[in-house]
Protein backbone atom coordinates (compact mmCIF):
# COMPACT_ATOMS: atom_id res chain seq x y z
CA MET A 1 34.24 -58.03 1.26
CA LYS A 2 32.90 -59.75 -1.80
CA ASP A 3 29.72 -58.52 -3.44
CA ASN A 4 27.70 -61.51 -2.28
CA GLU A 5 28.71 -60.73 1.32
CA HIS A 6 27.12 -57.30 1.17
CA PRO A 7 24.63 -56.76 4.02
CA PHE A 8 21.91 -56.16 1.41
CA PHE A 9 21.85 -59.91 0.65
CA ARG A 10 21.51 -61.06 4.29
CA PRO A 11 17.67 -61.49 4.16
CA LEU A 12 16.64 -64.64 2.30
CA TRP A 13 13.78 -62.93 0.48
CA ARG A 14 16.19 -60.54 -1.27
CA ARG A 15 18.37 -63.38 -2.50
CA ILE A 16 15.29 -65.23 -3.75
CA ALA A 17 14.09 -62.05 -5.48
CA VAL A 18 17.41 -61.69 -7.33
CA VAL A 19 17.26 -65.32 -8.48
CA ALA A 20 13.59 -64.95 -9.49
CA LEU A 21 14.44 -61.87 -11.55
CA CYS A 22 17.15 -63.85 -13.38
CA VAL A 23 14.72 -66.73 -14.00
CA PHE A 24 12.12 -64.29 -15.34
CA TRP A 25 14.64 -62.67 -17.68
CA THR A 26 15.76 -66.09 -18.90
CA ALA A 27 12.13 -67.04 -19.61
CA ILE A 28 11.65 -63.86 -21.63
CA GLU A 29 14.72 -64.62 -23.74
CA PHE A 30 13.53 -68.21 -24.24
CA TYR A 31 10.12 -66.96 -25.35
CA ASN A 32 11.70 -64.47 -27.78
CA GLY A 33 14.02 -67.12 -29.19
CA ASP A 34 17.22 -65.12 -28.77
CA GLN A 35 19.80 -67.87 -28.24
CA LEU A 36 22.72 -65.60 -27.33
CA TRP A 37 20.87 -63.76 -24.56
CA LEU A 38 19.21 -66.99 -23.47
CA THR A 39 22.64 -68.51 -22.91
CA ILE A 40 23.89 -65.43 -21.07
CA THR A 41 20.86 -65.14 -18.79
CA ALA A 42 20.75 -68.88 -18.14
CA GLY A 43 24.37 -68.69 -17.03
CA MET A 44 23.57 -65.72 -14.79
CA THR A 45 20.64 -67.64 -13.31
CA LEU A 46 22.73 -70.70 -12.57
CA TYR A 47 25.44 -68.54 -11.03
CA ALA A 48 22.88 -66.66 -8.89
CA VAL A 49 21.31 -69.91 -7.68
CA TYR A 50 24.72 -71.22 -6.67
CA VAL A 51 26.04 -68.02 -5.04
CA TYR A 52 22.88 -66.74 -3.33
CA LEU A 53 21.01 -69.94 -2.46
CA TRP A 54 23.34 -72.92 -2.46
CA ALA A 55 26.71 -71.70 -1.16
CA TYR A 56 25.65 -68.51 0.63
CA ARG A 57 27.27 -67.89 4.01
CA PRO A 58 26.14 -64.71 5.74
CA PRO A 59 28.95 -62.32 6.58
CA PRO A 60 29.78 -62.03 10.26
CA LEU A 61 28.07 -59.22 12.08
CA ALA A 62 30.23 -56.30 13.02
CA ALA A 63 32.24 -57.31 16.03
CA GLU A 64 31.80 -55.28 19.14
CA PRO A 65 34.96 -53.49 20.16
CA ALA A 66 36.82 -55.13 23.02
CA PRO A 67 36.56 -53.24 26.25
CA GLU A 68 39.65 -51.27 27.02
CA SER A 69 41.72 -52.67 29.81
CA VAL A 70 41.03 -50.94 33.04
CA VAL A 71 44.12 -49.54 34.68
CA GLU A 72 43.71 -49.00 38.36
CA PRO A 73 45.68 -46.20 39.90
CA VAL A 74 48.55 -47.28 42.09
CA THR A 75 48.08 -46.07 45.62
CA PRO A 76 50.68 -46.10 48.39
CA ALA A 77 48.68 -48.82 50.15
CA ALA A 78 48.80 -51.04 47.04
CA LYS A 79 52.58 -50.56 46.81
CA GLU A 80 53.00 -51.78 50.37
CA LYS A 81 51.07 -55.00 49.60
CA GLU A 82 53.51 -55.89 46.81
């Protein structure tokens, strides 16, 4: 499982919240004028938009276990039919 397939990210509002946090942090770095951190956070924001909003595919739900095959007891009457 990759990190973006974690069940935490299944609801859309959580993925939007992560992207919004990155946008907010990028805006703070832009306001402060720190070019290095602005570049880093802008890259994180673009990556988050791509991974969590654009290309997100929800992981499959846990598959239900297959029912065990039922083995019927062999009776003398069933042997005669064969």
